[in-house]
Amino acid sequence: MASRRPDGQPESEADTRFFDLRDGGYTGWIDQDGYATTEDEFRARYERECDEAWAQLQAGQETR
């Protein structure tokens, strides 16, 4: 199967889920793992991840 990524690289599992959702007509929010989500869930996850990264920086630890 040809890749649907703009750069032509092989699709990850998240890429495949993303493109399958879009090809199926889904126009809503999609998280970084390629799953359909709501705006509220997306924003809550983003806020939580930012808070965790900030806490690590304050503690002198490296982030991802």
Protein backbone atom coordinates (compact mmCIF):
# COMPACT_ATOMS: atom_id res chain seq x y z
CA MET A 1 0.00 0.00 0.00
CA ALA A 2 1.30 3.45 -0.89
CA SER A 3 1.82 5.88 1.94
CA ARG A 4 -0.66 8.72 2.37
CA ARG A 5 1.90 10.80 4.23
CA PRO A 6 2.95 13.98 2.37
CA ASP A 7 6.62 13.04 2.76
CA GLY A 8 6.07 9.55 1.34
CA GLN A 9 7.49 7.83 4.44
CA PRO A 10 5.80 4.61 5.63
CA GLU A 11 2.72 5.17 7.75
CA SER A 12 2.90 4.53 11.47
CA GLU A 13 -0.10 2.95 13.19
CA ALA A 14 -1.17 6.45 14.29
CA ASP A 15 -0.84 7.73 10.71
CA THR A 16 -3.01 4.89 9.42
CA ARG A 17 -5.72 5.60 12.00
CA PHE A 18 -5.58 9.33 11.19
CA PHE A 19 -5.88 8.85 7.43
CA ASP A 20 -8.57 6.18 7.79
CA LEU A 21 -10.65 8.58 9.91
CA ARG A 22 -10.23 11.44 7.43
CA ASP A 23 -10.86 9.19 4.41
CA GLY A 24 -14.02 7.97 6.14
CA GLY A 25 -15.32 11.53 6.37
CA TYR A 26 -14.48 12.27 10.02
CA THR A 27 -13.82 16.00 10.50
CA GLY A 28 -13.49 16.16 14.27
CA TRP A 29 -10.51 16.26 16.59
CA ILE A 30 -7.84 13.54 16.33
CA ASP A 31 -5.20 13.03 19.01
CA GLN A 32 -1.49 12.43 18.41
CA ASP A 33 -2.07 8.68 18.48
CA GLY A 34 -4.58 8.87 15.63
CA TYR A 35 -7.73 8.35 17.69
CA ALA A 36 -10.91 10.39 17.40
CA THR A 37 -11.35 12.63 20.42
CA THR A 38 -13.31 15.62 21.59
CA GLU A 39 -11.94 19.13 21.91
CA ASP A 40 -12.31 18.96 25.70
CA GLU A 41 -10.41 15.64 25.92
CA PHE A 42 -7.70 16.97 23.60
CA ARG A 43 -7.24 20.18 25.57
CA ALA A 44 -7.23 18.32 28.91
CA ARG A 45 -4.51 15.95 27.68
CA TYR A 46 -2.45 18.84 26.31
CA GLU A 47 -2.75 20.77 29.57
CA ARG A 48 -1.81 17.70 31.64
CA GLU A 49 1.24 16.97 29.45
CA CYS A 50 2.38 20.61 29.64
CA ASP A 51 1.99 20.59 33.42
CA GLU A 52 4.01 17.37 33.68
CA ALA A 53 6.79 18.74 31.44
CA TRP A 54 6.93 21.98 33.44
CA ALA A 55 7.14 20.06 36.71
CA GLN A 56 10.04 17.99 35.30
CA LEU A 57 11.86 21.13 34.21
CA GLN A 58 11.41 22.70 37.61
CA ALA A 59 12.74 19.53 39.22
CA GLY A 60 15.80 19.65 36.95
CA GLN A 61 14.85 16.56 35.00
CA GLU A 62 14.95 16.15 31.26
CA THR A 63 11.73 15.97 29.30
CA ARG A 64 11.10 13.62 26.41
